Amino acid sequence: EALAQPRVFVHRDYHARNLMVVSERNPGIIDFQDALCGPVGYDLVSLLKDCYIAWPRARVESWVRGYRARLLAGGGPAGASEAQFLRWFDLIGVQRHIKVLGIFCRLWYRDGKAGYLADLPRTLAYVRDACARYAELEPFGRLLEERVAAELPRANARVAAAGAAGGAGGAASGARP
């Protein structure tokens, strides 16, 4: 599905923490060194299904429809239908959020940075929600439930024990990078 989406400029890390209030009309945008051409829905899902802020699904869908309408009005690539665009949005979200889950876990396991662990449940919930919405993702959803969600209590206990012992993820390494 990602390859089927029209290609546009993509920031790749377009979320609330990379937007700054500035005196000019538009927000200041930082952390754009990884920008490239990518799927039309990528930055939209990064912003509306932000790993740090959760919005109600109805509001997100409304914003997606509004974004698509503006794309159409400006002659931009918006897919054959609203349903197709929303599907693109959801499916590229699965890809993005799986990538982010891996990054957050790496920051904990390799670098001892626990600051992003609190964002794992929200990010995983986005993936689980998309898997429940699309029949072709049901097998992946089952795999997540059996292999990932089932292990969360044990993983949380290990994180808590390491923090109590002053190991990886302890108070000294809990700051965000």
N, C-alpha and C. Protein backbone atom coordinates (compact mmCIF):
# COMPACT_ATOMS: atom_id res chain seq x y z
N GLU A 1 0.81 -1.21 0.00
CA GLU A 1 0.00 0.00 0.00
C GLU A 1 0.85 1.27 0.00
N ALA A 2 1.96 1.27 0.68
CA ALA A 2 2.79 2.48 0.71
C ALA A 2 3.28 2.83 -0.68
N LEU A 3 3.61 1.81 -1.47
CA LEU A 3 4.09 2.07 -2.83
C LEU A 3 2.98 2.55 -3.75
N ALA A 4 1.73 2.27 -3.40
CA ALA A 4 0.59 2.71 -4.21
C ALA A 4 0.26 4.18 -3.98
N GLN A 5 0.70 4.72 -2.87
CA GLN A 5 0.38 6.12 -2.56
C GLN A 5 1.22 7.06 -3.42
N PRO A 6 0.62 8.18 -3.84
CA PRO A 6 1.40 9.19 -4.54
C PRO A 6 2.55 9.67 -3.66
N ARG A 7 3.66 10.01 -4.29
CA ARG A 7 4.86 10.46 -3.58
C ARG A 7 4.85 11.98 -3.48
N VAL A 8 5.17 12.46 -2.29
CA VAL A 8 5.24 13.90 -2.02
C VAL A 8 6.44 14.15 -1.09
N PHE A 9 6.73 15.41 -0.83
CA PHE A 9 7.74 15.74 0.17
C PHE A 9 7.26 15.25 1.52
N VAL A 10 8.10 14.54 2.24
CA VAL A 10 7.76 13.99 3.56
C VAL A 10 8.84 14.39 4.56
N HIS A 11 8.42 15.01 5.63
CA HIS A 11 9.33 15.41 6.72
C HIS A 11 9.88 14.18 7.43
N ARG A 12 9.04 13.19 7.65
CA ARG A 12 9.30 11.90 8.29
C ARG A 12 9.31 11.92 9.81
N ASP A 13 9.32 13.09 10.41
CA ASP A 13 9.28 13.17 11.87
C ASP A 13 8.38 14.34 12.26
N TYR A 14 7.24 14.43 11.59
CA TYR A 14 6.33 15.57 11.70
C TYR A 14 5.33 15.30 12.82
N HIS A 15 5.67 15.73 14.02
CA HIS A 15 4.79 15.54 15.17
C HIS A 15 4.89 16.76 16.07
N ALA A 16 4.06 16.76 17.11
CA ALA A 16 3.90 17.94 17.96
C ALA A 16 5.22 18.45 18.54
N ARG A 17 6.12 17.57 18.90
CA ARG A 17 7.37 18.01 19.52
C ARG A 17 8.35 18.63 18.52
N ASN A 18 8.07 18.50 17.25
CA ASN A 18 8.93 19.12 16.24
C ASN A 18 8.28 20.35 15.60
N LEU A 19 7.22 20.83 16.21
CA LEU A 19 6.56 22.06 15.76
C LEU A 19 6.73 23.10 16.86
N MET A 20 7.12 24.30 16.47
CA MET A 20 7.37 25.35 17.45
C MET A 20 6.55 26.59 17.11
N VAL A 21 6.06 27.25 18.13
CA VAL A 21 5.35 28.51 17.94
C VAL A 21 6.39 29.59 17.64
N VAL A 22 6.20 30.27 16.53
CA VAL A 22 7.10 31.36 16.12
C VAL A 22 6.26 32.59 15.79
N SER A 23 6.91 33.71 15.64
CA SER A 23 6.17 34.96 15.39
C SER A 23 5.57 35.01 13.99
N GLU A 24 6.10 34.25 13.06
CA GLU A 24 5.54 34.23 11.72
C GLU A 24 4.22 33.47 11.69
N ARG A 25 3.57 33.47 10.56
CA ARG A 25 2.25 32.86 10.40
C ARG A 25 2.27 31.34 10.59
N ASN A 26 3.25 30.67 10.08
CA ASN A 26 3.30 29.21 10.15
C ASN A 26 4.11 28.75 11.36
N PRO A 27 3.89 27.53 11.84
CA PRO A 27 4.73 27.05 12.95
C PRO A 27 6.15 26.82 12.45
N GLY A 28 7.09 26.94 13.36
CA GLY A 28 8.46 26.57 13.05
C GLY A 28 8.55 25.06 13.06
N ILE A 29 9.24 24.51 12.09
CA ILE A 29 9.36 23.05 11.97
C ILE A 29 10.84 22.70 12.11
N ILE A 30 11.14 21.81 13.06
CA ILE A 30 12.52 21.41 13.29
C ILE A 30 12.70 19.93 12.98
N ASP A 31 13.93 19.45 13.04
CA ASP A 31 14.28 18.04 12.90
C ASP A 31 13.87 17.49 11.54
N PHE A 32 14.24 18.18 10.49
CA PHE A 32 13.83 17.78 9.14
C PHE A 32 14.97 17.18 8.32
N GLN A 33 16.05 16.76 8.97
CA GLN A 33 17.20 16.25 8.24
C GLN A 33 16.93 14.92 7.53
N ASP A 34 15.88 14.21 7.89
CA ASP A 34 15.56 12.93 7.25
C ASP A 34 14.49 13.07 6.18
N ALA A 35 14.14 14.29 5.78
CA ALA A 35 13.09 14.51 4.79
C ALA A 35 13.44 13.83 3.46
N LEU A 36 12.39 13.39 2.76
CA LEU A 36 12.54 12.73 1.47
C LEU A 36 11.20 12.71 0.76
N CYS A 37 11.15 12.06 -0.40
CA CYS A 37 9.86 11.85 -1.08
C CYS A 37 9.28 10.56 -0.51
N GLY A 38 8.00 10.62 -0.13
CA GLY A 38 7.38 9.44 0.45
C GLY A 38 5.88 9.47 0.27
N PRO A 39 5.18 8.52 0.88
CA PRO A 39 3.73 8.39 0.73
C PRO A 39 2.99 9.63 1.21
N VAL A 40 1.96 10.01 0.48
CA VAL A 40 1.20 11.23 0.74
C VAL A 40 0.63 11.27 2.16
N GLY A 41 0.32 10.14 2.76
CA GLY A 41 -0.28 10.12 4.09
C GLY A 41 0.70 10.08 5.24
N TYR A 42 2.00 9.99 4.97
CA TYR A 42 2.97 9.74 6.04
C TYR A 42 3.03 10.85 7.08
N ASP A 43 3.23 12.08 6.65
CA ASP A 43 3.32 13.18 7.62
C ASP A 43 1.98 13.42 8.30
N LEU A 44 0.89 13.21 7.58
CA LEU A 44 -0.43 13.40 8.17
C LEU A 44 -0.64 12.42 9.32
N VAL A 45 -0.29 11.17 9.12
CA VAL A 45 -0.44 10.19 10.20
C VAL A 45 0.53 10.48 11.34
N SER A 46 1.70 11.01 11.02
CA SER A 46 2.67 11.37 12.07
C SER A 46 2.10 12.44 12.99
N LEU A 47 1.35 13.36 12.41
CA LEU A 47 0.78 14.46 13.18
C LEU A 47 -0.51 14.06 13.89
N LEU A 48 -1.41 13.39 13.17
CA LEU A 48 -2.74 13.11 13.73
C LEU A 48 -2.80 11.86 14.60
N LYS A 49 -1.86 10.95 14.40
CA LYS A 49 -1.72 9.79 15.29
C LYS A 49 -0.35 9.90 15.96
N ASP A 50 -0.13 11.03 16.57
CA ASP A 50 1.12 11.38 17.23
C ASP A 50 1.39 10.40 18.37
N CYS A 51 2.61 9.98 18.50
CA CYS A 51 2.98 9.04 19.56
C CYS A 51 2.86 9.64 20.96
N TYR A 52 2.73 10.96 21.04
CA TYR A 52 2.71 11.65 22.33
C TYR A 52 1.35 12.23 22.68
N ILE A 53 0.44 12.27 21.72
CA ILE A 53 -0.89 12.86 21.93
C ILE A 53 -1.91 11.99 21.21
N ALA A 54 -2.97 11.61 21.89
CA ALA A 54 -4.03 10.82 21.25
C ALA A 54 -5.27 11.68 21.06
N TRP A 55 -5.83 11.64 19.86
CA TRP A 55 -7.07 12.35 19.54
C TRP A 55 -8.17 11.32 19.30
N PRO A 56 -9.43 11.68 19.56
CA PRO A 56 -10.53 10.76 19.27
C PRO A 56 -10.56 10.41 17.78
N ARG A 57 -10.88 9.17 17.46
CA ARG A 57 -10.88 8.69 16.07
C ARG A 57 -11.78 9.55 15.19
N ALA A 58 -12.95 9.94 15.67
CA ALA A 58 -13.86 10.75 14.85
C ALA A 58 -13.22 12.08 14.47
N ARG A 59 -12.51 12.68 15.38
CA ARG A 59 -11.83 13.95 15.09
C ARG A 59 -10.71 13.73 14.08
N VAL A 60 -9.95 12.66 14.26
CA VAL A 60 -8.86 12.36 13.32
C VAL A 60 -9.42 12.15 11.92
N GLU A 61 -10.49 11.37 11.81
CA GLU A 61 -11.09 11.13 10.49
C GLU A 61 -11.59 12.43 9.87
N SER A 62 -12.15 13.31 10.68
CA SER A 62 -12.61 14.60 10.18
C SER A 62 -11.43 15.41 9.64
N TRP A 63 -10.33 15.42 10.36
CA TRP A 63 -9.14 16.14 9.91
C TRP A 63 -8.57 15.53 8.62
N VAL A 64 -8.59 14.20 8.54
CA VAL A 64 -8.11 13.53 7.33
C VAL A 64 -8.97 13.92 6.14
N ARG A 65 -10.29 13.92 6.33
CA ARG A 65 -11.19 14.33 5.24
C ARG A 65 -10.93 15.78 4.84
N GLY A 66 -10.74 16.66 5.81
CA GLY A 66 -10.45 18.06 5.51
C GLY A 66 -9.13 18.23 4.78
N TYR A 67 -8.13 17.48 5.18
CA TYR A 67 -6.83 17.53 4.51
C TYR A 67 -6.96 17.07 3.07
N ARG A 68 -7.68 15.98 2.87
CA ARG A 68 -7.88 15.46 1.51
C ARG A 68 -8.62 16.48 0.66
N ALA A 69 -9.64 17.12 1.22
CA ALA A 69 -10.39 18.13 0.47
C ALA A 69 -9.48 19.28 0.03
N ARG A 70 -8.58 19.68 0.91
CA ARG A 70 -7.63 20.75 0.54
C ARG A 70 -6.65 20.28 -0.52
N LEU A 71 -6.23 19.03 -0.43
CA LEU A 71 -5.37 18.48 -1.48
C LEU A 71 -6.08 18.52 -2.83
N LEU A 72 -7.32 18.05 -2.84
CA LEU A 72 -8.10 18.05 -4.08
C LEU A 72 -8.27 19.46 -4.62
N ALA A 73 -8.60 20.39 -3.76
CA ALA A 73 -8.82 21.78 -4.18
C ALA A 73 -7.55 22.39 -4.77
N GLY A 74 -6.42 21.96 -4.27
CA GLY A 74 -5.15 22.48 -4.77
C GLY A 74 -4.54 21.66 -5.89
N GLY A 75 -5.27 20.65 -6.35
CA GLY A 75 -4.75 19.80 -7.42
C GLY A 75 -3.74 18.77 -6.96
N GLY A 76 -3.69 18.52 -5.66
CA GLY A 76 -2.73 17.55 -5.12
C GLY A 76 -3.23 16.12 -5.24
N PRO A 77 -2.35 15.17 -4.98
CA PRO A 77 -2.71 13.75 -5.07
C PRO A 77 -3.51 13.30 -3.86
N ALA A 78 -4.78 12.96 -4.07
CA ALA A 78 -5.65 12.64 -2.94
C ALA A 78 -6.35 11.30 -3.07
N GLY A 79 -5.94 10.46 -3.99
CA GLY A 79 -6.55 9.16 -4.13
C GLY A 79 -7.89 9.22 -4.85
N ALA A 80 -8.39 8.06 -5.18
CA ALA A 80 -9.63 7.96 -5.95
C ALA A 80 -10.86 8.27 -5.12
N SER A 81 -10.77 8.06 -3.81
CA SER A 81 -11.93 8.27 -2.95
C SER A 81 -11.48 8.62 -1.54
N GLU A 82 -12.43 9.11 -0.77
CA GLU A 82 -12.15 9.39 0.64
C GLU A 82 -11.78 8.11 1.38
N ALA A 83 -12.49 7.02 1.07
CA ALA A 83 -12.22 5.73 1.72
C ALA A 83 -10.80 5.25 1.41
N GLN A 84 -10.38 5.41 0.16
CA GLN A 84 -9.02 5.00 -0.21
C GLN A 84 -7.98 5.84 0.53
N PHE A 85 -8.22 7.14 0.63
CA PHE A 85 -7.27 8.01 1.31
C PHE A 85 -7.17 7.66 2.79
N LEU A 86 -8.31 7.39 3.43
CA LEU A 86 -8.31 7.00 4.84
C LEU A 86 -7.59 5.66 5.02
N ARG A 87 -7.77 4.75 4.09
CA ARG A 87 -7.07 3.47 4.13
C ARG A 87 -5.56 3.69 4.03
N TRP A 88 -5.15 4.52 3.08
CA TRP A 88 -3.73 4.84 2.95
C TRP A 88 -3.19 5.40 4.26
N PHE A 89 -3.96 6.31 4.85
CA PHE A 89 -3.59 6.94 6.12
C PHE A 89 -3.38 5.88 7.21
N ASP A 90 -4.36 5.00 7.36
CA ASP A 90 -4.27 3.97 8.41
C ASP A 90 -3.12 3.01 8.17
N LEU A 91 -2.95 2.56 6.94
CA LEU A 91 -1.93 1.54 6.68
C LEU A 91 -0.52 2.10 6.75
N ILE A 92 -0.31 3.32 6.29
CA ILE A 92 1.03 3.89 6.44
C ILE A 92 1.29 4.18 7.92
N GLY A 93 0.21 4.40 8.67
CA GLY A 93 0.35 4.56 10.12
C GLY A 93 0.88 3.30 10.78
N VAL A 94 0.43 2.13 10.32
CA VAL A 94 0.94 0.88 10.87
C VAL A 94 2.45 0.80 10.65
N GLN A 95 2.88 1.09 9.44
CA GLN A 95 4.31 1.04 9.14
C GLN A 95 5.08 2.02 10.04
N ARG A 96 4.60 3.24 10.11
CA ARG A 96 5.30 4.26 10.91
C ARG A 96 5.35 3.87 12.39
N HIS A 97 4.23 3.42 12.91
CA HIS A 97 4.18 3.12 14.34
C HIS A 97 4.98 1.88 14.71
N ILE A 98 5.06 0.90 13.82
CA ILE A 98 5.93 -0.26 14.08
C ILE A 98 7.39 0.22 14.13
N LYS A 99 7.76 1.08 13.20
CA LYS A 99 9.12 1.64 13.19
C LYS A 99 9.40 2.38 14.50
N VAL A 100 8.45 3.21 14.92
CA VAL A 100 8.63 4.00 16.14
C VAL A 100 8.70 3.10 17.37
N LEU A 101 7.88 2.06 17.42
CA LEU A 101 7.96 1.12 18.55
C LEU A 101 9.37 0.54 18.65
N GLY A 102 9.93 0.16 17.51
CA GLY A 102 11.29 -0.37 17.50
C GLY A 102 12.31 0.65 17.98
N ILE A 103 12.16 1.89 17.55
CA ILE A 103 13.08 2.95 17.98
C ILE A 103 12.98 3.17 19.48
N PHE A 104 11.75 3.26 19.99
CA PHE A 104 11.57 3.48 21.43
C PHE A 104 12.17 2.33 22.24
N CYS A 105 11.97 1.10 21.78
CA CYS A 105 12.54 -0.06 22.49
C CYS A 105 14.06 -0.05 22.42
N ARG A 106 14.61 0.29 21.26
CA ARG A 106 16.07 0.38 21.13
C ARG A 106 16.64 1.43 22.08
N LEU A 107 15.96 2.56 22.18
CA LEU A 107 16.44 3.61 23.09
C LEU A 107 16.50 3.11 24.53
N TRP A 108 15.57 2.23 24.88
CA TRP A 108 15.58 1.65 26.23
C TRP A 108 16.65 0.56 26.35
N TYR A 109 16.59 -0.45 25.47
CA TYR A 109 17.47 -1.61 25.62
C TYR A 109 18.93 -1.29 25.35
N ARG A 110 19.21 -0.55 24.31
CA ARG A 110 20.60 -0.27 23.96
C ARG A 110 21.17 0.94 24.70
N ASP A 111 20.34 2.00 24.79
CA ASP A 111 20.85 3.27 25.29
C ASP A 111 20.45 3.57 26.73
N GLY A 112 19.57 2.75 27.31
CA GLY A 112 19.15 2.97 28.68
C GLY A 112 18.26 4.18 28.88
N LYS A 113 17.63 4.65 27.82
CA LYS A 113 16.77 5.84 27.90
C LYS A 113 15.31 5.41 28.06
N ALA A 114 14.79 5.61 29.24
CA ALA A 114 13.44 5.17 29.56
C ALA A 114 12.38 6.21 29.22
N GLY A 115 12.77 7.38 28.80
CA GLY A 115 11.83 8.48 28.59
C GLY A 115 10.70 8.18 27.62
N TYR A 116 10.93 7.30 26.66
CA TYR A 116 9.90 7.01 25.66
C TYR A 116 9.03 5.80 26.02
N LEU A 117 9.37 5.09 27.07
CA LEU A 117 8.59 3.90 27.43
C LEU A 117 7.13 4.23 27.71
N ALA A 118 6.88 5.39 28.28
CA ALA A 118 5.50 5.78 28.57
C ALA A 118 4.67 5.97 27.31
N ASP A 119 5.33 6.17 26.17
CA ASP A 119 4.63 6.38 24.90
C ASP A 119 4.36 5.08 24.14
N LEU A 120 4.92 3.97 24.60
CA LEU A 120 4.71 2.69 23.92
C LEU A 120 3.25 2.26 23.89
N PRO A 121 2.50 2.33 24.99
CA PRO A 121 1.10 1.86 24.93
C PRO A 121 0.26 2.61 23.90
N ARG A 122 0.39 3.91 23.83
CA ARG A 122 -0.38 4.70 22.86
C ARG A 122 0.01 4.32 21.43
N THR A 123 1.30 4.19 21.20
CA THR A 123 1.79 3.87 19.86
C THR A 123 1.35 2.47 19.46
N LEU A 124 1.44 1.52 20.36
CA LEU A 124 0.97 0.16 20.09
C LEU A 124 -0.54 0.14 19.87
N ALA A 125 -1.27 0.96 20.59
CA ALA A 125 -2.73 1.02 20.42
C ALA A 125 -3.11 1.46 19.01
N TYR A 126 -2.33 2.36 18.42
CA TYR A 126 -2.60 2.77 17.03
C TYR A 126 -2.49 1.57 16.09
N VAL A 127 -1.47 0.75 16.29
CA VAL A 127 -1.27 -0.43 15.44
C VAL A 127 -2.40 -1.43 15.66
N ARG A 128 -2.73 -1.68 16.92
CA ARG A 128 -3.79 -2.63 17.23
C ARG A 128 -5.13 -2.18 16.64
N ASP A 129 -5.41 -0.89 16.71
CA ASP A 129 -6.64 -0.34 16.15
C ASP A 129 -6.70 -0.57 14.64
N ALA A 130 -5.62 -0.28 13.94
CA ALA A 130 -5.60 -0.48 12.49
C ALA A 130 -5.76 -1.96 12.14
N CYS A 131 -5.13 -2.82 12.90
CA CYS A 131 -5.26 -4.26 12.65
C CYS A 131 -6.70 -4.72 12.81
N ALA A 132 -7.42 -4.13 13.74
CA ALA A 132 -8.82 -4.49 13.95
C ALA A 132 -9.73 -3.94 12.84
N ARG A 133 -9.32 -2.89 12.16
CA ARG A 133 -10.14 -2.25 11.12
C ARG A 133 -10.02 -2.91 9.76
N TYR A 134 -8.94 -3.61 9.49
CA TYR A 134 -8.67 -4.15 8.16
C TYR A 134 -8.46 -5.65 8.23
N ALA A 135 -9.30 -6.39 7.51
CA ALA A 135 -9.28 -7.85 7.56
C ALA A 135 -7.90 -8.42 7.23
N GLU A 136 -7.21 -7.82 6.26
CA GLU A 136 -5.91 -8.34 5.87
C GLU A 136 -4.85 -8.16 6.96
N LEU A 137 -5.13 -7.32 7.94
CA LEU A 137 -4.19 -7.13 9.05
C LEU A 137 -4.54 -7.99 10.27
N GLU A 138 -5.64 -8.72 10.21
CA GLU A 138 -6.04 -9.54 11.36
C GLU A 138 -4.96 -10.54 11.78
N PRO A 139 -4.30 -11.25 10.83
CA PRO A 139 -3.23 -12.16 11.27
C PRO A 139 -2.10 -11.43 12.00
N PHE A 140 -1.74 -10.28 11.50
CA PHE A 140 -0.70 -9.49 12.17
C PHE A 140 -1.19 -9.03 13.54
N GLY A 141 -2.46 -8.65 13.61
CA GLY A 141 -3.05 -8.26 14.89
C GLY A 141 -3.00 -9.39 15.90
N ARG A 142 -3.30 -10.61 15.45
CA ARG A 142 -3.22 -11.77 16.34
C ARG A 142 -1.78 -11.99 16.82
N LEU A 143 -0.84 -11.85 15.90
CA LEU A 143 0.57 -12.00 16.26
C LEU A 143 0.96 -10.97 17.32
N LEU A 144 0.52 -9.74 17.15
CA LEU A 144 0.80 -8.70 18.15
C LEU A 144 0.22 -9.08 19.51
N GLU A 145 -1.01 -9.56 19.50
CA GLU A 145 -1.65 -9.93 20.77
C GLU A 145 -0.92 -11.09 21.44
N GLU A 146 -0.55 -12.10 20.64
CA GLU A 146 0.07 -13.30 21.21
C GLU A 146 1.52 -13.09 21.61
N ARG A 147 2.25 -12.32 20.84
CA ARG A 147 3.69 -12.20 21.06
C ARG A 147 4.12 -10.91 21.73
N VAL A 148 3.39 -9.84 21.52
CA VAL A 148 3.79 -8.55 22.08
C VAL A 148 2.95 -8.21 23.30
N ALA A 149 1.65 -8.08 23.10
CA ALA A 149 0.77 -7.68 24.21
C ALA A 149 0.86 -8.67 25.37
N ALA A 150 0.96 -9.95 25.06
CA ALA A 150 1.05 -10.97 26.11
C ALA A 150 2.33 -10.83 26.94
N GLU A 151 3.36 -10.27 26.36
CA GLU A 151 4.65 -10.11 27.06
C GLU A 151 4.76 -8.79 27.82
N LEU A 152 3.82 -7.89 27.61
CA LEU A 152 3.93 -6.56 28.23
C LEU A 152 4.03 -6.59 29.75
N PRO A 153 3.24 -7.39 30.45
CA PRO A 153 3.38 -7.40 31.92
C PRO A 153 4.79 -7.79 32.37
N ARG A 154 5.38 -8.80 31.74
CA ARG A 154 6.74 -9.21 32.10
C ARG A 154 7.75 -8.12 31.75
N ALA A 155 7.58 -7.51 30.58
CA ALA A 155 8.50 -6.44 30.17
C ALA A 155 8.40 -5.26 31.11
N ASN A 156 7.18 -4.91 31.50
CA ASN A 156 6.99 -3.79 32.44
C ASN A 156 7.64 -4.09 33.79
N ALA A 157 7.55 -5.33 34.23
CA ALA A 157 8.17 -5.72 35.50
C ALA A 157 9.70 -5.60 35.40
N ARG A 158 10.27 -6.00 34.26
CA ARG A 158 11.73 -5.89 34.07
C ARG A 158 12.16 -4.43 34.07
N VAL A 159 11.39 -3.58 33.42
CA VAL A 159 11.71 -2.15 33.39
C VAL A 159 11.66 -1.58 34.80
N ALA A 160 10.60 -1.93 35.54
CA ALA A 160 10.47 -1.42 36.91
C ALA A 160 11.61 -1.91 37.79
N ALA A 161 11.98 -3.19 37.65
CA ALA A 161 13.07 -3.74 38.45
C ALA A 161 14.39 -3.06 38.11
N ALA A 162 14.63 -2.83 36.83
CA ALA A 162 15.88 -2.16 36.42
C ALA A 162 15.92 -0.74 36.95
N GLY A 163 14.79 -0.06 36.93
CA GLY A 163 14.73 1.30 37.45
C GLY A 163 14.98 1.34 38.94
N ALA A 164 14.40 0.39 39.67
CA ALA A 164 14.58 0.33 41.11
C ALA A 164 16.03 0.02 41.47
N ALA A 165 16.69 -0.76 40.61
CA ALA A 165 18.08 -1.14 40.87
C ALA A 165 19.07 -0.10 40.34
N GLY A 166 18.54 0.94 39.68
CA GLY A 166 19.42 1.97 39.13
C GLY A 166 20.07 1.57 37.82
N GLY A 167 19.54 0.50 37.18
CA GLY A 167 20.09 0.03 35.90
C GLY A 167 19.53 0.82 34.74
N ALA A 168 19.56 0.22 33.59
CA ALA A 168 19.05 0.88 32.37
C ALA A 168 17.64 1.36 32.62
N GLY A 169 17.41 2.59 32.27
CA GLY A 169 16.09 3.16 32.45
C GLY A 169 15.88 3.75 33.83
N GLY A 170 16.90 3.74 34.68
CA GLY A 170 16.77 4.32 36.00
C GLY A 170 16.64 5.82 35.93
N ALA A 171 16.54 6.46 37.06
CA ALA A 171 16.30 7.90 37.11
C ALA A 171 17.37 8.69 36.36
N ALA A 172 18.61 8.25 36.42
CA ALA A 172 19.67 9.01 35.77
C ALA A 172 19.56 8.98 34.26
N SER A 173 18.96 7.93 33.71
CA SER A 173 18.89 7.83 32.26
C SER A 173 17.48 8.01 31.73
N GLY A 174 16.59 8.53 32.54
CA GLY A 174 15.20 8.66 32.13
C GLY A 174 14.89 9.86 31.27
N ALA A 175 15.82 10.76 31.09
CA ALA A 175 15.56 11.95 30.29
C ALA A 175 15.44 11.60 28.82
N ARG A 176 14.63 12.37 28.13
CA ARG A 176 14.49 12.19 26.69
C ARG A 176 15.72 12.76 26.01
N PRO A 177 16.11 12.14 24.88
CA PRO A 177 17.29 12.64 24.18
C PRO A 177 17.03 14.01 23.58
